[in-house]
Amino acid sequence: MQASSFAVLDERPAPASQDASAPAASNKLVALWHQWQALADDLMPLLLTPRTCHDFLGDITVCAGTVMSLIRQAPDIGIFHMVFPNPDKMHRYSVLHAMHTAMLLALIGQRKDWGDKRTASAVKAGLTMNLSITNLQIELALQSAPLTSAQREAIDTHPLTSWKLLQDLGVQDEEWLIAVAQHHEQPDGKGYPQGLTDLHQMADAIRTCDVFGAKISPRIGRTGMPTPRAASEIFRQRSAGYFGATIIRELGLYPPGCLVELATGHHAVVVKRSCDPNAPDVVTLPALERCRATQGSGRHIIGAASDQSWAERISAEQALVHA
């Protein structure tokens, strides 16, 4: 893997003689979107066939660094990539889910002041938490039949199987390994595979990010859950733990990529958070006009869009170029 495929965009301001216009900013947002897409492409062989990689540890470290770099540059685009209902989400479910879990962990690391080293361990754990069942997860995302006994066994044992696989691949970072081994345990002892009650903090963070990301992801026969409902459910099911509130504060009630309904009756896609969690910047549909959904504007958000099929009529790039 060549690190150059993850080149960091130049964030220096344009010279005064140039027109630092909205189109230029929008083109940068689209370019950042494509960097997330490129990262997913490079993660595919790493997570699907890790034993065939010449330098798995080095390559996954590069990918983790890219997640952290992209989040530092433009966290809204990372969140948008997770939330916006892309048509390829089911066919790349396990890879995208791992990448988005890692993205949430990068946000948590920033919020909790973990520092780069610890945040990098968390991000690498998020990328590899399901390493032993990456292929199976894609299969299940497209499967309407009940789980077979072999599939159930693979799921039940995957935290420890993935932990062992990472050791075989040369991982020696104890926090990374423990977080993967414990990421389905719960403080009440009802988790799996060991029924632990004393959990590593990083494992608790991964579990919360994993649950949230899974709820908003589509599967065969169902669309992804709207983000406000997913947030509500992780608290109601007491699966949010210590980090649930952190995720919701970071994303906001209507995070970038979320399809919403405005008081005007129009639909819109959220493209940027603001200091007011109830008033993000949105691009209205189908007019593709950007506005801030504030109460006084008459275009405030009344809830998640009931018609989620709007995602089939607009691409992420179309929304972002007007952001």
C-alpha atoms as a PDB file:
ATOM      1  CA  MET A   1       0.000   0.000   0.000  1.00  0.00           C
ATOM      2  CA  GLN A   2       1.332   3.420  -0.909  1.00  0.00           C
ATOM      3  CA  ALA A   3       0.861   6.143   1.672  1.00  0.00           C
ATOM      4  CA  SER A   4       0.600   8.652  -1.181  1.00  0.00           C
ATOM      5  CA  SER A   5      -2.899   7.378  -1.963  1.00  0.00           C
ATOM      6  CA  PHE A   6      -3.995   9.122   1.240  1.00  0.00           C
ATOM      7  CA  ALA A   7      -2.503  12.547   0.510  1.00  0.00           C
ATOM      8  CA  VAL A   8      -3.648  15.206   2.958  1.00  0.00           C
ATOM      9  CA  LEU A   9      -5.370  18.142   1.310  1.00  0.00           C
ATOM     10  CA  ASP A  10      -3.641  21.520   1.528  1.00  0.00           C
ATOM     11  CA  GLU A  11      -5.489  23.527   4.157  1.00  0.00           C
ATOM     12  CA  ARG A  12      -3.564  26.781   3.654  1.00  0.00           C
ATOM     13  CA  PRO A  13      -5.832  29.769   2.866  1.00  0.00           C
ATOM     14  CA  ALA A  14      -5.932  30.922  -0.722  1.00  0.00           C
ATOM     15  CA  PRO A  15      -3.932  34.070  -1.547  1.00  0.00           C
ATOM     16  CA  ALA A  16      -5.936  37.287  -1.379  1.00  0.00           C
ATOM     17  CA  SER A  17      -5.723  37.665  -5.141  1.00  0.00           C
ATOM     18  CA  GLN A  18      -7.620  34.427  -5.631  1.00  0.00           C
ATOM     19  CA  ASP A  19     -11.342  33.961  -5.277  1.00  0.00           C
ATOM     20  CA  ALA A  20     -11.700  31.708  -2.217  1.00  0.00           C
ATOM     21  CA  SER A  21     -15.268  31.056  -3.309  1.00  0.00           C
ATOM     22  CA  ALA A  22     -17.952  28.635  -2.224  1.00  0.00           C
ATOM     23  CA  PRO A  23     -17.391  26.413  -5.300  1.00  0.00           C
ATOM     24  CA  ALA A  24     -13.743  25.958  -4.305  1.00  0.00           C
ATOM     25  CA  ALA A  25     -14.762  24.992  -0.771  1.00  0.00           C
ATOM     26  CA  SER A  26     -17.404  22.635  -2.136  1.00  0.00           C
ATOM     27  CA  ASN A  27     -14.893  20.975  -4.426  1.00  0.00           C
ATOM     28  CA  LYS A  28     -12.687  20.381  -1.397  1.00  0.00           C
ATOM     29  CA  LEU A  29     -15.583  18.697   0.421  1.00  0.00           C
ATOM     30  CA  VAL A  30     -16.172  16.404  -2.546  1.00  0.00           C
ATOM     31  CA  ALA A  31     -12.448  15.627  -2.686  1.00  0.00           C
ATOM     32  CA  LEU A  32     -12.530  14.696   1.006  1.00  0.00           C
ATOM     33  CA  TRP A  33     -15.546  12.467   0.344  1.00  0.00           C
ATOM     34  CA  HIS A  34     -13.557  10.677  -2.347  1.00  0.00           C
ATOM     35  CA  GLN A  35     -10.673  10.181   0.087  1.00  0.00           C
ATOM     36  CA  TRP A  36     -13.064   8.278   2.382  1.00  0.00           C
ATOM     37  CA  GLN A  37     -14.134   6.228  -0.631  1.00  0.00           C
ATOM     38  CA  ALA A  38     -10.490   5.536  -1.507  1.00  0.00           C
ATOM     39  CA  LEU A  39      -9.794   4.496   2.070  1.00  0.00           C
ATOM     40  CA  ALA A  40     -12.652   1.987   1.913  1.00  0.00           C
ATOM     41  CA  ASP A  41     -11.198   0.623  -1.330  1.00  0.00           C
ATOM     42  CA  ASP A  42      -7.790   0.112   0.274  1.00  0.00           C
ATOM     43  CA  LEU A  43      -9.304  -1.467   3.372  1.00  0.00           C
ATOM     44  CA  MET A  44     -11.135  -4.125   1.343  1.00  0.00           C
ATOM     45  CA  PRO A  45      -8.183  -6.493   0.768  1.00  0.00           C
ATOM     46  CA  LEU A  46      -6.743  -5.814   4.236  1.00  0.00           C
ATOM     47  CA  LEU A  47      -9.933  -6.840   6.026  1.00  0.00           C
ATOM     48  CA  LEU A  48     -11.170  -9.519   3.617  1.00  0.00           C
ATOM     49  CA  THR A  49      -7.872 -11.392   3.156  1.00  0.00           C
ATOM     50  CA  PRO A  50      -5.512 -10.195   5.907  1.00  0.00           C
ATOM     51  CA  ARG A  51      -3.211 -13.219   5.782  1.00  0.00           C
ATOM     52  CA  THR A  52      -2.327 -12.536   2.146  1.00  0.00           C
ATOM     53  CA  CYS A  53      -1.158  -8.971   2.843  1.00  0.00           C
ATOM     54  CA  HIS A  54       2.593  -8.458   2.641  1.00  0.00           C
ATOM     55  CA  ASP A  55       2.632  -5.977   5.546  1.00  0.00           C
ATOM     56  CA  PHE A  56      -0.737  -6.075   7.282  1.00  0.00           C
ATOM     57  CA  LEU A  57       0.428  -4.238  10.389  1.00  0.00           C
ATOM     58  CA  GLY A  58       2.057  -1.440   8.413  1.00  0.00           C
ATOM     59  CA  ASP A  59      -0.876  -1.075   6.042  1.00  0.00           C
ATOM     60  CA  ILE A  60      -3.545  -0.998   8.752  1.00  0.00           C
ATOM     61  CA  THR A  61      -1.455   1.603  10.610  1.00  0.00           C
ATOM     62  CA  VAL A  62      -1.438   3.782   7.477  1.00  0.00           C
ATOM     63  CA  CYS A  63      -5.218   3.410   7.224  1.00  0.00           C
ATOM     64  CA  ALA A  64      -5.691   4.360  10.876  1.00  0.00           C
ATOM     65  CA  GLY A  65      -3.531   7.439  10.334  1.00  0.00           C
ATOM     66  CA  THR A  66      -5.704   8.398   7.385  1.00  0.00           C
ATOM     67  CA  VAL A  67      -8.882   8.123   9.464  1.00  0.00           C
ATOM     68  CA  MET A  68      -7.398  10.430  12.080  1.00  0.00           C
ATOM     69  CA  SER A  69      -6.104  12.888   9.469  1.00  0.00           C
ATOM     70  CA  LEU A  70      -9.444  13.114   7.668  1.00  0.00           C
ATOM     71  CA  ILE A  71     -11.286  13.630  10.963  1.00  0.00           C
ATOM     72  CA  ARG A  72      -8.920  16.440  11.933  1.00  0.00           C
ATOM     73  CA  GLN A  73      -9.479  18.128   8.568  1.00  0.00           C
ATOM     74  CA  ALA A  74     -13.244  17.830   8.209  1.00  0.00           C
ATOM     75  CA  PRO A  75     -15.150  15.733  10.750  1.00  0.00           C
ATOM     76  CA  ASP A  76     -18.469  16.596   9.117  1.00  0.00           C
ATOM     77  CA  ILE A  77     -17.456  14.758   5.929  1.00  0.00           C
ATOM     78  CA  GLY A  78     -16.521  11.646   7.882  1.00  0.00           C
ATOM     79  CA  ILE A  79     -19.878  11.704   9.646  1.00  0.00           C
ATOM     80  CA  PHE A  80     -21.638  12.368   6.326  1.00  0.00           C
ATOM     81  CA  HIS A  81     -19.942   9.299   4.832  1.00  0.00           C
ATOM     82  CA  MET A  82     -21.253   7.138   7.676  1.00  0.00           C
ATOM     83  CA  VAL A  83     -24.806   8.486   7.800  1.00  0.00           C
ATOM     84  CA  PHE A  84     -25.713   9.140   4.149  1.00  0.00           C
ATOM     85  CA  PRO A  85     -27.479   6.027   2.742  1.00  0.00           C
ATOM     86  CA  ASN A  86     -25.099   5.110  -0.070  1.00  0.00           C
ATOM     87  CA  PRO A  87     -26.198   2.403  -2.508  1.00  0.00           C
ATOM     88  CA  ASP A  88     -23.048   0.304  -1.962  1.00  0.00           C
ATOM     89  CA  LYS A  89     -23.403   0.033   1.820  1.00  0.00           C
ATOM     90  CA  MET A  90     -24.760  -3.506   1.866  1.00  0.00           C
ATOM     91  CA  HIS A  91     -22.251  -4.884  -0.626  1.00  0.00           C
ATOM     92  CA  ARG A  92     -19.341  -3.465   1.389  1.00  0.00           C
ATOM     93  CA  TYR A  93     -21.108  -3.619   4.734  1.00  0.00           C
ATOM     94  CA  SER A  94     -18.359  -5.057   6.935  1.00  0.00           C
ATOM     95  CA  VAL A  95     -15.587  -2.850   5.548  1.00  0.00           C
ATOM     96  CA  LEU A  96     -17.627   0.359   5.720  1.00  0.00           C
ATOM     97  CA  HIS A  97     -18.932  -0.535   9.173  1.00  0.00           C
ATOM     98  CA  ALA A  98     -15.394  -1.054  10.461  1.00  0.00           C
ATOM     99  CA  MET A  99     -14.225   2.197   8.889  1.00  0.00           C
ATOM    100  CA  HIS A 100     -17.134   4.152  10.341  1.00  0.00           C
ATOM    101  CA  THR A 101     -16.627   2.622  13.784  1.00  0.00           C
ATOM    102  CA  ALA A 102     -13.003   3.723  13.570  1.00  0.00           C
ATOM    103  CA  MET A 103     -14.144   7.201  12.530  1.00  0.00           C
ATOM    104  CA  LEU A 104     -16.377   7.485  15.613  1.00  0.00           C
ATOM    105  CA  LEU A 105     -13.484   6.325  17.786  1.00  0.00           C
ATOM    106  CA  ALA A 106     -11.294   9.063  16.305  1.00  0.00           C
ATOM    107  CA  LEU A 107     -13.958  11.595  17.293  1.00  0.00           C
ATOM    108  CA  ILE A 108     -14.148  10.122  20.810  1.00  0.00           C
ATOM    109  CA  GLY A 109     -10.356  10.230  21.103  1.00  0.00           C
ATOM    110  CA  GLN A 110     -10.415  13.932  20.318  1.00  0.00           C
ATOM    111  CA  ARG A 111     -13.276  14.646  22.692  1.00  0.00           C
ATOM    112  CA  LYS A 112     -11.726  12.646  25.556  1.00  0.00           C
ATOM    113  CA  ASP A 113      -8.181  13.958  24.963  1.00  0.00           C
ATOM    114  CA  TRP A 114      -6.760  10.464  24.579  1.00  0.00           C
ATOM    115  CA  GLY A 115      -3.794  11.730  22.600  1.00  0.00           C
ATOM    116  CA  ASP A 116      -2.616  10.490  19.218  1.00  0.00           C
ATOM    117  CA  LYS A 117      -1.044   7.236  20.398  1.00  0.00           C
ATOM    118  CA  ARG A 118      -4.051   5.965  22.335  1.00  0.00           C
ATOM    119  CA  THR A 119      -6.508   7.221  19.733  1.00  0.00           C
ATOM    120  CA  ALA A 120      -4.525   5.374  17.042  1.00  0.00           C
ATOM    121  CA  SER A 121      -4.797   2.146  19.055  1.00  0.00           C
ATOM    122  CA  ALA A 122      -8.566   2.638  19.334  1.00  0.00           C
ATOM    123  CA  VAL A 123      -8.929   3.398  15.628  1.00  0.00           C
ATOM    124  CA  LYS A 124      -6.929   0.283  14.667  1.00  0.00           C
ATOM    125  CA  ALA A 125      -9.057  -1.786  17.041  1.00  0.00           C
ATOM    126  CA  GLY A 126     -12.211  -0.396  15.423  1.00  0.00           C
ATOM    127  CA  LEU A 127     -10.927  -1.258  11.956  1.00  0.00           C
ATOM    128  CA  THR A 128     -10.096  -4.841  12.957  1.00  0.00           C
ATOM    129  CA  MET A 129     -12.728  -5.708  15.596  1.00  0.00           C
ATOM    130  CA  ASN A 130     -14.452  -8.153  13.213  1.00  0.00           C
ATOM    131  CA  LEU A 131     -11.393  -9.277  11.272  1.00  0.00           C
ATOM    132  CA  SER A 132     -12.250 -12.989  11.447  1.00  0.00           C
ATOM    133  CA  ILE A 133     -15.789 -12.504  10.063  1.00  0.00           C
ATOM    134  CA  THR A 134     -15.382  -9.694   7.520  1.00  0.00           C
ATOM    135  CA  ASN A 135     -16.551 -11.886   4.648  1.00  0.00           C
ATOM    136  CA  LEU A 136     -19.364 -13.383   6.714  1.00  0.00           C
ATOM    137  CA  GLN A 137     -20.714  -9.941   7.612  1.00  0.00           C
ATOM    138  CA  ILE A 138     -21.076  -9.014   3.935  1.00  0.00           C
ATOM    139  CA  GLU A 139     -22.832 -12.338   3.351  1.00  0.00           C
ATOM    140  CA  LEU A 140     -25.239 -11.714   6.236  1.00  0.00           C
ATOM    141  CA  ALA A 141     -26.028  -8.160   5.119  1.00  0.00           C
ATOM    142  CA  LEU A 142     -27.402  -9.687   1.911  1.00  0.00           C
ATOM    143  CA  GLN A 143     -28.981 -12.769   3.529  1.00  0.00           C
ATOM    144  CA  SER A 144     -32.682 -12.941   4.315  1.00  0.00           C
ATOM    145  CA  ALA A 145     -32.642 -16.496   5.706  1.00  0.00           C
ATOM    146  CA  PRO A 146     -32.012 -17.190   9.407  1.00  0.00           C
ATOM    147  CA  LEU A 147     -28.457 -17.741  10.607  1.00  0.00           C
ATOM    148  CA  THR A 148     -27.065 -21.234  10.202  1.00  0.00           C
ATOM    149  CA  SER A 149     -25.469 -22.910  13.223  1.00  0.00           C
ATOM    150  CA  ALA A 150     -22.009 -22.390  11.692  1.00  0.00           C
ATOM    151  CA  GLN A 151     -22.702 -18.698  11.134  1.00  0.00           C
ATOM    152  CA  ARG A 152     -23.953 -18.304  14.691  1.00  0.00           C
ATOM    153  CA  GLU A 153     -20.850 -19.990  16.087  1.00  0.00           C
ATOM    154  CA  ALA A 154     -18.559 -17.757  14.020  1.00  0.00           C
ATOM    155  CA  ILE A 155     -20.349 -14.652  15.312  1.00  0.00           C
ATOM    156  CA  ASP A 156     -20.320 -15.829  18.925  1.00  0.00           C
ATOM    157  CA  THR A 157     -16.588 -16.531  18.885  1.00  0.00           C
ATOM    158  CA  HIS A 158     -15.345 -13.736  16.601  1.00  0.00           C
ATOM    159  CA  PRO A 159     -13.982 -11.366  19.289  1.00  0.00           C
ATOM    160  CA  LEU A 160     -11.467 -13.971  20.489  1.00  0.00           C
ATOM    161  CA  THR A 161     -10.881 -15.374  16.997  1.00  0.00           C
ATOM    162  CA  SER A 162     -10.100 -11.872  15.715  1.00  0.00           C
ATOM    163  CA  TRP A 163      -7.838 -11.255  18.735  1.00  0.00           C
ATOM    164  CA  LYS A 164      -5.875 -14.416  17.949  1.00  0.00           C
ATOM    165  CA  LEU A 165      -5.684 -13.567  14.240  1.00  0.00           C
ATOM    166  CA  LEU A 166      -4.267 -10.130  15.047  1.00  0.00           C
ATOM    167  CA  GLN A 167      -1.612 -11.737  17.237  1.00  0.00           C
ATOM    168  CA  ASP A 168      -0.703 -14.070  14.378  1.00  0.00           C
ATOM    169  CA  LEU A 169      -0.376 -11.013  12.106  1.00  0.00           C
ATOM    170  CA  GLY A 170       2.156  -9.423  14.439  1.00  0.00           C
ATOM    171  CA  VAL A 171       0.057  -7.070  16.571  1.00  0.00           C
ATOM    172  CA  GLN A 172       1.625  -6.536  20.010  1.00  0.00           C
ATOM    173  CA  ASP A 173      -0.297  -3.435  21.151  1.00  0.00           C
ATOM    174  CA  GLU A 174      -2.080  -4.708  24.274  1.00  0.00           C
ATOM    175  CA  GLU A 175      -4.812  -2.048  24.284  1.00  0.00           C
ATOM    176  CA  TRP A 176      -5.642  -2.806  20.663  1.00  0.00           C
ATOM    177  CA  LEU A 177      -5.772  -6.555  21.325  1.00  0.00           C
ATOM    178  CA  ILE A 178      -7.806  -6.339  24.548  1.00  0.00           C
ATOM    179  CA  ALA A 179     -10.272  -3.908  22.993  1.00  0.00           C
ATOM    180  CA  VAL A 180     -10.942  -6.333  20.127  1.00  0.00           C
ATOM    181  CA  ALA A 181     -11.250  -9.340  22.466  1.00  0.00           C
ATOM    182  CA  GLN A 182     -13.747  -7.535  24.739  1.00  0.00           C
ATOM    183  CA  HIS A 183     -15.745  -5.384  22.312  1.00  0.00           C
ATOM    184  CA  HIS A 184     -18.948  -7.429  22.760  1.00  0.00           C
ATOM    185  CA  GLU A 185     -18.736  -7.729  26.537  1.00  0.00           C
ATOM    186  CA  GLN A 186     -21.136  -5.703  28.722  1.00  0.00           C
ATOM    187  CA  PRO A 187     -20.739  -4.323  32.262  1.00  0.00           C
ATOM    188  CA  ASP A 188     -23.715  -6.404  33.462  1.00  0.00           C
ATOM    189  CA  GLY A 189     -22.007  -9.624  32.359  1.00  0.00           C
ATOM    190  CA  LYS A 190     -24.546 -10.308  29.602  1.00  0.00           C
ATOM    191  CA  GLY A 191     -22.096  -9.800  26.768  1.00  0.00           C
ATOM    192  CA  TYR A 192     -20.050 -12.406  24.933  1.00  0.00           C
ATOM    193  CA  PRO A 193     -17.980 -14.506  24.540  1.00  0.00           C
ATOM    194  CA  GLN A 194     -16.694 -14.493  28.135  1.00  0.00           C
ATOM    195  CA  GLY A 195     -19.462 -12.755  30.093  1.00  0.00           C
ATOM    196  CA  LEU A 196     -17.009 -10.270  31.631  1.00  0.00           C
ATOM    197  CA  THR A 197     -18.095  -7.444  33.942  1.00  0.00           C
ATOM    198  CA  ASP A 198     -14.777  -5.611  34.266  1.00  0.00           C
ATOM    199  CA  LEU A 199     -14.233  -4.142  30.795  1.00  0.00           C
ATOM    200  CA  HIS A 200     -11.385  -2.233  29.247  1.00  0.00           C
ATOM    201  CA  GLN A 201     -12.481   1.363  28.576  1.00  0.00           C
ATOM    202  CA  MET A 202     -11.511   1.171  24.916  1.00  0.00           C
ATOM    203  CA  ALA A 203     -13.583  -1.994  24.452  1.00  0.00           C
ATOM    204  CA  ASP A 204     -16.570  -0.172  25.935  1.00  0.00           C
ATOM    205  CA  ALA A 205     -16.068   2.673  23.441  1.00  0.00           C
ATOM    206  CA  ILE A 206     -15.846   0.261  20.506  1.00  0.00           C
ATOM    207  CA  ARG A 207     -18.998  -1.573  21.572  1.00  0.00           C
ATOM    208  CA  THR A 208     -20.982   1.668  21.702  1.00  0.00           C
ATOM    209  CA  CYS A 209     -19.716   2.848  18.309  1.00  0.00           C
ATOM    210  CA  ASP A 210     -20.337  -0.620  16.856  1.00  0.00           C
ATOM    211  CA  VAL A 211     -23.947  -0.708  18.079  1.00  0.00           C
ATOM    212  CA  PHE A 212     -24.726   2.786  16.814  1.00  0.00           C
ATOM    213  CA  GLY A 213     -23.175   2.186  13.396  1.00  0.00           C
ATOM    214  CA  ALA A 214     -24.955  -1.149  12.970  1.00  0.00           C
ATOM    215  CA  LYS A 215     -28.341   0.397  13.704  1.00  0.00           C
ATOM    216  CA  ILE A 216     -28.052   3.070  11.020  1.00  0.00           C
ATOM    217  CA  SER A 217     -26.692   0.652   8.382  1.00  0.00           C
ATOM    218  CA  PRO A 218     -29.044  -0.970   5.841  1.00  0.00           C
ATOM    219  CA  ARG A 219     -29.478  -4.728   5.531  1.00  0.00           C
ATOM    220  CA  ILE A 220     -31.419  -6.820   3.047  1.00  0.00           C
ATOM    221  CA  GLY A 221     -35.105  -6.127   3.576  1.00  0.00           C
ATOM    222  CA  ARG A 222     -34.665  -2.993   5.697  1.00  0.00           C
ATOM    223  CA  THR A 223     -33.242   0.490   5.434  1.00  0.00           C
ATOM    224  CA  GLY A 224     -30.877   1.944   7.981  1.00  0.00           C
ATOM    225  CA  MET A 225     -32.502   3.350  11.103  1.00  0.00           C
ATOM    226  CA  PRO A 226     -32.785   7.174  11.199  1.00  0.00           C
ATOM    227  CA  THR A 227     -30.052   8.533  13.437  1.00  0.00           C
ATOM    228  CA  PRO A 228     -32.328  10.166  16.055  1.00  0.00           C
ATOM    229  CA  ARG A 229     -34.071   6.829  16.581  1.00  0.00           C
ATOM    230  CA  ALA A 230     -30.759   4.951  16.727  1.00  0.00           C
ATOM    231  CA  ALA A 231     -29.537   7.364  19.398  1.00  0.00           C
ATOM    232  CA  SER A 232     -32.711   6.842  21.388  1.00  0.00           C
ATOM    233  CA  GLU A 233     -32.470   3.067  21.155  1.00  0.00           C
ATOM    234  CA  ILE A 234     -28.903   2.685  22.355  1.00  0.00           C
ATOM    235  CA  PHE A 235     -29.875   4.533  25.513  1.00  0.00           C
ATOM    236  CA  ARG A 236     -33.140   2.660  25.986  1.00  0.00           C
ATOM    237  CA  GLN A 237     -31.340  -0.658  25.589  1.00  0.00           C
ATOM    238  CA  ARG A 238     -28.666   0.490  28.055  1.00  0.00           C
ATOM    239  CA  SER A 239     -26.010  -0.389  25.508  1.00  0.00           C
ATOM    240  CA  ALA A 240     -24.599   3.119  25.229  1.00  0.00           C
ATOM    241  CA  GLY A 241     -22.457   2.894  28.351  1.00  0.00           C
ATOM    242  CA  TYR A 242     -20.100   5.712  29.197  1.00  0.00           C
ATOM    243  CA  PHE A 243     -19.579   6.765  25.581  1.00  0.00           C
ATOM    244  CA  GLY A 244     -23.139   6.995  24.261  1.00  0.00           C
ATOM    245  CA  ALA A 245     -23.602  10.601  25.327  1.00  0.00           C
ATOM    246  CA  THR A 246     -20.231  11.474  23.816  1.00  0.00           C
ATOM    247  CA  ILE A 247     -21.267  10.106  20.431  1.00  0.00           C
ATOM    248  CA  ILE A 248     -24.594  11.943  20.459  1.00  0.00           C
ATOM    249  CA  ARG A 249     -22.973  15.222  21.533  1.00  0.00           C
ATOM    250  CA  GLU A 250     -20.391  14.829  18.798  1.00  0.00           C
ATOM    251  CA  LEU A 251     -22.838  13.975  16.007  1.00  0.00           C
ATOM    252  CA  GLY A 252     -25.748  16.160  17.054  1.00  0.00           C
ATOM    253  CA  LEU A 253     -29.399  15.256  16.844  1.00  0.00           C
ATOM    254  CA  TYR A 254     -29.336  15.567  13.046  1.00  0.00           C
ATOM    255  CA  PRO A 255     -25.797  14.704  11.914  1.00  0.00           C
ATOM    256  CA  PRO A 256     -24.369  15.392   8.447  1.00  0.00           C
ATOM    257  CA  GLY A 257     -25.760  12.915   5.921  1.00  0.00           C
ATOM    258  CA  CYS A 258     -29.116  12.685   7.694  1.00  0.00           C
ATOM    259  CA  LEU A 259     -32.277  13.120   5.587  1.00  0.00           C
ATOM    260  CA  VAL A 260     -34.718  15.469   7.335  1.00  0.00           C
ATOM    261  CA  GLU A 261     -38.085  17.120   6.835  1.00  0.00           C
ATOM    262  CA  LEU A 262     -38.393  20.890   7.141  1.00  0.00           C
ATOM    263  CA  ALA A 263     -41.323  22.932   8.422  1.00  0.00           C
ATOM    264  CA  THR A 264     -41.952  23.967   4.805  1.00  0.00           C
ATOM    265  CA  GLY A 265     -42.748  20.338   3.948  1.00  0.00           C
ATOM    266  CA  HIS A 266     -39.584  19.987   1.907  1.00  0.00           C
ATOM    267  CA  HIS A 267     -36.932  17.360   2.445  1.00  0.00           C
ATOM    268  CA  ALA A 268     -33.276  18.216   2.968  1.00  0.00           C
ATOM    269  CA  VAL A 269     -29.962  16.535   3.627  1.00  0.00           C
ATOM    270  CA  VAL A 270     -27.843  17.809   6.506  1.00  0.00           C
ATOM    271  CA  VAL A 271     -24.362  18.802   5.331  1.00  0.00           C
ATOM    272  CA  LYS A 272     -22.771  20.571   8.307  1.00  0.00           C
ATOM    273  CA  ARG A 273     -23.196  20.797  12.062  1.00  0.00           C
ATOM    274  CA  SER A 274     -23.546  24.174  13.768  1.00  0.00           C
ATOM    275  CA  CYS A 275     -23.201  25.358  17.347  1.00  0.00           C
ATOM    276  CA  ASP A 276     -26.960  24.791  17.663  1.00  0.00           C
ATOM    277  CA  PRO A 277     -27.599  21.008  17.441  1.00  0.00           C
ATOM    278  CA  ASN A 278     -31.156  21.689  16.232  1.00  0.00           C
ATOM    279  CA  ALA A 279     -30.080  24.029  13.437  1.00  0.00           C
ATOM    280  CA  PRO A 280     -27.491  22.417  11.145  1.00  0.00           C
ATOM    281  CA  ASP A 281     -26.754  23.544   7.604  1.00  0.00           C
ATOM    282  CA  VAL A 282     -28.864  21.670   5.073  1.00  0.00           C
ATOM    283  CA  VAL A 283     -29.235  21.361   1.320  1.00  0.00           C
ATOM    284  CA  THR A 284     -32.894  21.366   0.351  1.00  0.00           C
ATOM    285  CA  LEU A 285     -34.309  18.787  -2.046  1.00  0.00           C
ATOM    286  CA  PRO A 286     -34.841  18.831  -4.938  1.00  0.00           C
ATOM    287  CA  ALA A 287     -33.833  22.498  -5.315  1.00  0.00           C
ATOM    288  CA  LEU A 288     -30.294  21.883  -3.968  1.00  0.00           C
ATOM    289  CA  GLU A 289     -30.182  25.179  -2.083  1.00  0.00           C
ATOM    290  CA  ARG A 290     -28.128  25.525   1.081  1.00  0.00           C
ATOM    291  CA  CYS A 291     -29.600  27.120   4.175  1.00  0.00           C
ATOM    292  CA  ARG A 292     -29.365  26.940   7.954  1.00  0.00           C
ATOM    293  CA  ALA A 293     -32.390  25.221   9.434  1.00  0.00           C
ATOM    294  CA  THR A 294     -33.009  27.748  12.209  1.00  0.00           C
ATOM    295  CA  GLN A 295     -36.342  28.225  13.947  1.00  0.00           C
ATOM    296  CA  GLY A 296     -36.674  31.854  12.878  1.00  0.00           C
ATOM    297  CA  SER A 297     -36.115  31.069   9.218  1.00  0.00           C
ATOM    298  CA  GLY A 298     -39.338  29.073   8.918  1.00  0.00           C
ATOM    299  CA  ARG A 299     -37.278  26.215   7.510  1.00  0.00           C
ATOM    300  CA  HIS A 300     -36.485  24.496  10.779  1.00  0.00           C
ATOM    301  CA  ILE A 301     -36.265  20.710  11.052  1.00  0.00           C
ATOM    302  CA  ILE A 302     -39.357  18.936  12.311  1.00  0.00           C
ATOM    303  CA  GLY A 303     -37.856  15.439  12.256  1.00  0.00           C
ATOM    304  CA  ALA A 304     -36.124  12.749  10.263  1.00  0.00           C
ATOM    305  CA  ALA A 305     -37.543  12.392   6.772  1.00  0.00           C
ATOM    306  CA  SER A 306     -40.274   9.774   6.594  1.00  0.00           C
ATOM    307  CA  ASP A 307     -39.447   9.261   2.911  1.00  0.00           C
ATOM    308  CA  GLN A 308     -35.896   7.921   3.005  1.00  0.00           C
ATOM    309  CA  SER A 309     -36.070   7.116  -0.712  1.00  0.00           C
ATOM    310  CA  TRP A 310     -34.730  10.601  -1.421  1.00  0.00           C
ATOM    311  CA  ALA A 311     -31.293   9.080  -1.063  1.00  0.00           C
ATOM    312  CA  GLU A 312     -31.913   7.256  -4.329  1.00  0.00           C
ATOM    313  CA  ARG A 313     -32.511  10.544  -6.143  1.00  0.00           C
ATOM    314  CA  ILE A 314     -29.386  12.430  -5.095  1.00  0.00           C
ATOM    315  CA  SER A 315     -25.772  11.386  -4.800  1.00  0.00           C
ATOM    316  CA  ALA A 316     -23.463  12.358  -1.980  1.00  0.00           C
ATOM    317  CA  GLU A 317     -21.398  14.392  -4.428  1.00  0.00           C
ATOM    318  CA  GLN A 318     -24.462  16.355  -5.568  1.00  0.00           C
ATOM    319  CA  ALA A 319     -25.293  17.266  -1.985  1.00  0.00           C
ATOM    320  CA  LEU A 320     -21.731  18.191  -1.040  1.00  0.00           C
ATOM    321  CA  VAL A 321     -21.050  20.329  -4.076  1.00  0.00           C
ATOM    322  CA  HIS A 322     -23.853  22.608  -2.853  1.00  0.00           C
ATOM    323  CA  ALA A 323     -22.745  22.499   0.784  1.00  0.00           C
END
